[in-house]
Amino acid sequence: MKWSVFTVAVPDLSVEQVIPAAAEAGLHGIEWRCAPRPAEAKNQPPSFWGNNLCTIEPGTAPEVLEGLRGQMREHGLDSAAVMPYLKVGDMEAAEKVMRIAQALGAPMMRIGVHGYNRSRPYSELYDEQMEYVAKLVPLLKQYGIRGLIETHHMTIAPSASAAYRIASSFDPEHIGVLFDPGNMVFEGYENHRMGLEMLGPYLAHVHVKNADVAAARENNGPKLEWSPLERGFVRWQQVMGDLTAVGYDGYCGVEDFSGVHSSGDMLRSFVSLMKELAHGAAARQEAGSAGGNSR
């Protein structure tokens, strides 16, 4: 497996600064946050979804993108993906991101998925989603990009099975699933091994974060909040074992929103943890295979 960072998680680093920081930490790739930066936010302190300095804006000039690609090449890094915030049906915005991904040499991009808030029937949202993806596929093929459906709470794809229901109607060469166990803490949890087995060739990417119960309560019930990777409902040792078991060898991208570590420390601790967990998963799998063949 390979390690990457989704730049939403390092809002205090510029797009130029994240490249040497990622290389120094031992990462293999970068997932670029792609979104407008509102003028009013640029005077605010850096934040994940506000004044995020590590953001590529949709109107970024091609020569700037080529420059970033060259810097990544010099540091031995790849563009793992481009992560925009697209709306279902907005083909113009989707194609702009495809051009950005192509310029950066990124093989994947996140596509729009309908939100779900009980205001419209799932069946209507699903039909619109399928029409949208069907229109995207020829463009994705044209640009040589794979579209990602992320498992995300408050959407019509909160679980592996819900994402699979959308993706499975299309060629996995062009449409895949971004498997996010941290999001599934909030909504959509299924046995991770079962979900990964279900996805099969549609498993395209993994995000790494965690969430736990907050001290405060919400609506007279438990409230969840983002937590450090090693603490929370996601048992990353088990998830890494499950990924190893299904033969996954793609990117695992950190998206730590806990705010516990500085950006540099977060990247270094992520790589250290992932290497430890991957080594342990491989050793357990090898021991299990040896035990099964002991007769």
Protein backbone atom coordinates (compact mmCIF):
# COMPACT_ATOMS: atom_id res chain seq x y z
CA MET A 1 0.00 0.00 0.00
CA LYS A 2 0.94 3.64 -0.45
CA TRP A 3 0.40 6.67 1.80
CA SER A 4 -1.01 10.06 0.82
CA VAL A 5 -2.49 13.19 2.39
CA PHE A 6 -5.73 14.89 1.45
CA THR A 7 -4.68 18.52 1.67
CA VAL A 8 -7.90 19.54 3.43
CA ALA A 9 -6.17 18.15 6.55
CA VAL A 10 -3.17 20.53 6.36
CA PRO A 11 -4.86 23.94 6.01
CA ASP A 12 -1.90 25.93 7.33
CA LEU A 13 0.48 24.72 4.60
CA SER A 14 0.47 26.27 1.14
CA VAL A 15 0.33 24.06 -1.95
CA GLU A 16 4.07 24.65 -2.37
CA GLN A 17 4.87 23.90 1.29
CA VAL A 18 2.96 20.62 1.46
CA ILE A 19 5.16 18.99 -1.19
CA PRO A 20 8.46 18.95 0.77
CA ALA A 21 6.53 18.30 4.00
CA ALA A 22 4.89 15.22 2.46
CA ALA A 23 8.17 13.95 1.07
CA GLU A 24 9.98 14.47 4.39
CA ALA A 25 7.26 12.54 6.21
CA GLY A 26 7.61 9.56 3.86
CA LEU A 27 4.39 9.91 1.87
CA HIS A 28 4.04 8.67 -1.69
CA GLY A 29 1.34 11.01 -2.98
CA ILE A 30 -0.88 14.03 -2.49
CA GLU A 31 -4.65 14.34 -2.88
CA TRP A 32 -5.40 17.91 -3.81
CA ARG A 33 -8.33 19.78 -2.29
CA CYS A 34 -10.00 21.63 -5.16
CA ALA A 35 -12.46 24.38 -4.24
CA PRO A 36 -12.95 28.15 -4.45
CA ARG A 37 -11.47 30.18 -1.58
CA PRO A 38 -13.96 32.93 -0.79
CA ALA A 39 -12.40 36.38 -0.49
CA GLU A 40 -13.87 36.88 2.99
CA ALA A 41 -12.22 33.67 4.22
CA LYS A 42 -8.72 34.68 3.14
CA ASN A 43 -8.35 37.06 6.09
CA GLN A 44 -9.30 34.35 8.58
CA PRO A 45 -6.93 31.94 10.35
CA PRO A 46 -6.26 28.72 8.42
CA SER A 47 -8.99 26.10 8.85
CA PHE A 48 -10.06 22.84 7.24
CA TRP A 49 -13.10 24.14 5.35
CA GLY A 50 -12.62 27.92 5.57
CA ASN A 51 -9.30 29.56 4.78
CA ASN A 52 -7.55 26.40 3.67
CA LEU A 53 -4.20 27.45 2.19
CA CYS A 54 -3.59 24.00 0.73
CA THR A 55 -6.32 24.36 -1.88
CA ILE A 56 -6.19 24.42 -5.66
CA GLU A 57 -8.88 26.75 -6.95
CA PRO A 58 -10.85 25.75 -10.07
CA GLY A 59 -9.47 28.68 -12.07
CA THR A 60 -5.80 27.91 -11.37
CA ALA A 61 -3.67 28.55 -14.46
CA PRO A 62 -2.31 25.49 -16.32
CA GLU A 63 1.28 26.68 -15.91
CA VAL A 64 0.83 26.76 -12.12
CA LEU A 65 -0.46 23.20 -12.18
CA GLU A 66 2.47 22.13 -14.37
CA GLY A 67 4.81 23.77 -11.88
CA LEU A 68 3.29 21.84 -8.99
CA ARG A 69 3.59 18.63 -10.96
CA GLY A 70 7.25 19.35 -11.57
CA GLN A 71 7.86 20.04 -7.88
CA MET A 72 6.20 16.76 -6.94
CA ARG A 73 8.33 14.92 -9.44
CA GLU A 74 11.47 16.47 -7.94
CA HIS A 75 10.39 15.23 -4.49
CA GLY A 76 9.46 11.73 -5.67
CA LEU A 77 5.72 12.27 -5.16
CA ASP A 78 2.67 11.56 -7.29
CA SER A 79 -0.69 13.28 -7.48
CA ALA A 80 -2.93 10.57 -6.03
CA ALA A 81 -6.24 12.31 -6.74
CA VAL A 82 -8.10 15.61 -6.95
CA MET A 83 -10.86 16.09 -4.37
CA PRO A 84 -13.46 18.70 -5.31
CA TYR A 85 -16.92 19.33 -3.86
CA LEU A 86 -19.09 18.77 -6.92
CA LYS A 87 -22.85 18.92 -7.22
CA VAL A 88 -24.77 16.21 -9.03
CA GLY A 89 -25.62 17.40 -12.54
CA ASP A 90 -22.97 20.13 -12.82
CA MET A 91 -21.08 18.80 -15.81
CA GLU A 92 -19.18 22.03 -16.46
CA ALA A 93 -17.63 22.04 -12.98
CA ALA A 94 -16.81 18.33 -13.29
CA GLU A 95 -14.97 18.83 -16.56
CA LYS A 96 -12.96 21.72 -15.07
CA VAL A 97 -11.75 19.34 -12.36
CA MET A 98 -10.90 16.71 -14.98
CA ARG A 99 -8.65 19.24 -16.71
CA ILE A 100 -6.96 20.02 -13.39
CA ALA A 101 -6.49 16.32 -12.62
CA GLN A 102 -5.02 15.72 -16.07
CA ALA A 103 -2.60 18.65 -15.71
CA LEU A 104 -1.46 17.35 -12.30
CA GLY A 105 -1.15 13.77 -13.54
CA ALA A 106 -3.79 12.61 -11.04
CA PRO A 107 -5.53 9.36 -12.08
CA MET A 108 -8.63 9.87 -9.90
CA MET A 109 -11.11 12.55 -8.84
CA ARG A 110 -14.04 12.62 -6.46
CA ILE A 111 -17.41 13.07 -8.17
CA GLY A 112 -20.65 14.55 -6.85
CA VAL A 113 -23.01 12.44 -4.75
CA HIS A 114 -26.50 13.54 -3.76
CA GLY A 115 -27.01 14.52 -0.15
CA TYR A 116 -29.85 12.96 1.83
CA ASN A 117 -31.85 14.90 4.41
CA ARG A 118 -35.33 13.30 4.22
CA SER A 119 -36.66 16.13 2.04
CA ARG A 120 -36.71 14.04 -1.18
CA PRO A 121 -37.27 10.31 -1.71
CA TYR A 122 -34.14 8.21 -2.09
CA SER A 123 -35.49 6.70 -5.32
CA GLU A 124 -35.58 10.11 -7.03
CA LEU A 125 -32.10 11.00 -5.83
CA TYR A 126 -30.77 7.61 -6.94
CA ASP A 127 -32.21 7.96 -10.44
CA GLU A 128 -30.67 11.43 -10.81
CA GLN A 129 -27.36 10.13 -9.50
CA MET A 130 -27.27 7.32 -12.03
CA GLU A 131 -28.07 9.70 -14.89
CA TYR A 132 -25.29 12.02 -13.75
CA VAL A 133 -22.69 9.25 -13.52
CA ALA A 134 -23.71 7.89 -16.91
CA LYS A 135 -23.04 11.34 -18.41
CA LEU A 136 -19.71 11.62 -16.58
CA VAL A 137 -18.28 8.31 -17.78
CA PRO A 138 -17.56 9.36 -21.41
CA LEU A 139 -15.78 12.48 -20.12
CA LEU A 140 -13.81 10.48 -17.58
CA LYS A 141 -12.73 8.13 -20.36
CA GLN A 142 -11.75 11.09 -22.55
CA TYR A 143 -9.53 12.58 -19.84
CA GLY A 144 -8.20 9.24 -18.56
CA ILE A 145 -9.55 9.85 -15.04
CA ARG A 146 -11.34 7.47 -12.68
CA GLY A 147 -14.32 8.94 -10.84
CA LEU A 148 -14.63 8.22 -7.11
CA ILE A 149 -17.84 7.80 -5.12
CA GLU A 150 -17.00 8.46 -1.47
CA THR A 151 -18.73 6.68 1.38
CA HIS A 152 -19.97 9.73 3.26
CA HIS A 153 -22.58 10.38 5.91
CA MET A 154 -25.61 12.50 4.96
CA THR A 155 -25.43 11.33 1.32
CA ILE A 156 -27.09 8.51 -0.60
CA ALA A 157 -23.78 6.61 -0.39
CA PRO A 158 -23.05 6.41 3.35
CA SER A 159 -22.01 2.74 3.24
CA ALA A 160 -19.99 0.41 1.05
CA SER A 161 -23.17 -1.34 -0.12
CA ALA A 162 -24.92 1.96 -0.97
CA ALA A 163 -21.86 3.18 -2.89
CA TYR A 164 -21.60 -0.20 -4.64
CA ARG A 165 -25.22 0.04 -5.76
CA ILE A 166 -24.29 3.17 -7.73
CA ALA A 167 -20.83 2.13 -8.93
CA SER A 168 -21.67 -1.44 -9.96
CA SER A 169 -23.63 -0.33 -13.02
CA PHE A 170 -20.43 1.07 -14.54
CA ASP A 171 -17.02 -0.21 -15.60
CA PRO A 172 -14.66 -0.21 -12.57
CA GLU A 173 -11.96 1.17 -14.85
CA HIS A 174 -13.88 4.45 -14.91
CA ILE A 175 -15.87 4.50 -11.64
CA GLY A 176 -14.62 3.39 -8.23
CA VAL A 177 -15.37 3.81 -4.53
CA LEU A 178 -13.46 5.84 -1.98
CA PHE A 179 -13.80 3.73 1.17
CA ASP A 180 -13.89 5.94 4.29
CA PRO A 181 -14.34 4.08 7.59
CA GLY A 182 -14.12 7.34 9.56
CA ASN A 183 -17.20 8.72 7.81
CA MET A 184 -18.99 5.44 8.48
CA VAL A 185 -18.67 6.03 12.22
CA PHE A 186 -21.32 8.73 11.77
CA GLU A 187 -23.52 6.77 9.38
CA GLY A 188 -23.28 3.70 7.16
CA TYR A 189 -21.20 1.29 9.24
CA GLU A 190 -21.03 -2.26 7.92
CA ASN A 191 -18.50 -4.96 8.67
CA HIS A 192 -15.46 -3.56 6.89
CA ARG A 193 -14.24 -6.88 5.49
CA MET A 194 -17.67 -7.61 4.07
CA GLY A 195 -17.84 -4.15 2.52
CA LEU A 196 -14.39 -4.49 0.96
CA GLU A 197 -15.23 -7.93 -0.40
CA MET A 198 -18.45 -6.53 -1.86
CA LEU A 199 -16.64 -3.68 -3.59
CA GLY A 200 -14.10 -5.96 -5.25
CA PRO A 201 -12.61 -4.16 -8.27
CA TYR A 202 -14.53 -0.98 -7.39
CA LEU A 203 -12.34 -0.38 -4.33
CA ALA A 204 -10.20 2.49 -5.59
CA HIS A 205 -9.01 4.54 -2.63
CA VAL A 206 -9.12 4.70 1.19
CA HIS A 207 -9.31 7.63 3.58
CA VAL A 208 -7.83 7.37 7.06
CA LYS A 209 -9.39 9.25 9.97
CA ASN A 210 -11.27 8.47 13.17
CA ALA A 211 -14.16 9.67 15.31
CA ASP A 212 -15.18 9.12 18.93
CA VAL A 213 -17.88 10.08 21.41
CA ALA A 214 -17.62 13.73 22.49
CA ALA A 215 -17.93 14.88 26.08
CA ALA A 216 -20.92 17.04 25.13
CA ARG A 217 -24.29 15.58 24.18
CA GLU A 218 -26.51 16.49 21.25
CA ASN A 219 -30.32 16.34 21.12
CA ASN A 220 -30.24 14.46 24.42
CA GLY A 221 -28.04 11.76 22.94
CA PRO A 222 -24.36 10.96 22.29
CA LYS A 223 -22.45 13.32 20.03
CA LEU A 224 -19.59 12.25 17.79
CA GLU A 225 -16.46 14.28 17.03
CA TRP A 226 -13.28 13.76 15.04
CA SER A 227 -10.49 12.13 17.02
CA PRO A 228 -6.82 11.15 16.50
CA LEU A 229 -6.29 8.10 14.31
CA GLU A 230 -5.32 5.82 17.18
CA ARG A 231 -8.40 6.69 19.24
CA GLY A 232 -12.01 6.22 18.17
CA PHE A 233 -14.49 3.74 16.77
CA VAL A 234 -12.41 2.76 13.74
CA ARG A 235 -10.05 -0.05 14.69
CA TRP A 236 -7.39 0.65 12.12
CA GLN A 237 -5.45 -2.50 12.94
CA GLN A 238 -8.49 -4.53 11.89
CA VAL A 239 -9.17 -2.37 8.82
CA MET A 240 -5.56 -2.74 7.68
CA GLY A 241 -5.88 -6.48 8.12
CA ASP A 242 -9.05 -6.44 6.04
CA LEU A 243 -7.42 -4.36 3.31
CA THR A 244 -4.49 -6.76 3.24
CA ALA A 245 -6.84 -9.74 3.09
CA VAL A 246 -8.60 -8.45 -0.03
CA GLY A 247 -5.30 -7.62 -1.72
CA TYR A 248 -5.64 -3.85 -1.72
CA ASP A 249 -2.41 -2.14 -2.78
CA GLY A 250 -3.59 1.41 -3.51
CA TYR A 251 -3.42 4.65 -1.56
CA CYS A 252 -4.46 5.22 2.03
CA GLY A 253 -4.85 8.97 2.46
CA VAL A 254 -4.80 10.72 5.83
CA GLU A 255 -7.64 13.11 6.61
CA ASP A 256 -7.12 13.73 10.33
CA PHE A 257 -9.51 16.44 11.52
CA SER A 258 -8.78 16.08 15.23
CA GLY A 259 -6.44 19.08 15.33
CA VAL A 260 -4.33 17.37 18.00
CA HIS A 261 -1.05 17.53 16.07
CA SER A 262 0.64 20.16 13.96
CA SER A 263 0.50 19.42 10.25
CA GLY A 264 4.08 18.15 10.10
CA ASP A 265 3.71 15.96 13.19
CA MET A 266 0.40 14.61 11.92
CA LEU A 267 1.94 13.54 8.61
CA ARG A 268 4.91 11.85 10.30
CA SER A 269 2.79 10.04 12.89
CA PHE A 270 0.40 8.88 10.15
CA VAL A 271 3.18 7.31 8.10
CA SER A 272 4.67 5.67 11.21
CA LEU A 273 1.28 4.23 12.21
CA MET A 274 0.45 2.99 8.72
CA LYS A 275 3.81 1.28 8.30
CA GLU A 276 3.40 -0.43 11.68
CA LEU A 277 -0.14 -1.57 10.91
CA ALA A 278 0.70 -2.74 7.39
CA HIS A 279 3.69 -4.72 8.64
CA GLY A 280 1.58 -6.33 11.34
CA ALA A 281 -1.23 -7.17 8.91
CA ALA A 282 1.20 -8.78 6.46
CA ALA A 283 2.85 -10.79 9.25
CA ARG A 284 -0.51 -12.05 10.53
CA GLN A 285 -1.60 -13.01 7.04
CA GLU A 286 1.67 -14.86 6.44
CA ALA A 287 1.38 -16.64 9.78
CA GLY A 288 -2.20 -17.62 8.97
CA SER A 289 -1.20 -18.99 5.57
CA ALA A 290 1.67 -20.95 7.11
CA GLY A 291 -0.63 -22.34 9.76
CA GLY A 292 -3.18 -23.38 7.16
CA ASN A 293 -0.49 -25.25 5.22
CA SER A 294 1.13 -26.86 8.26
CA ARG A 295 -0.31 -30.27 7.51
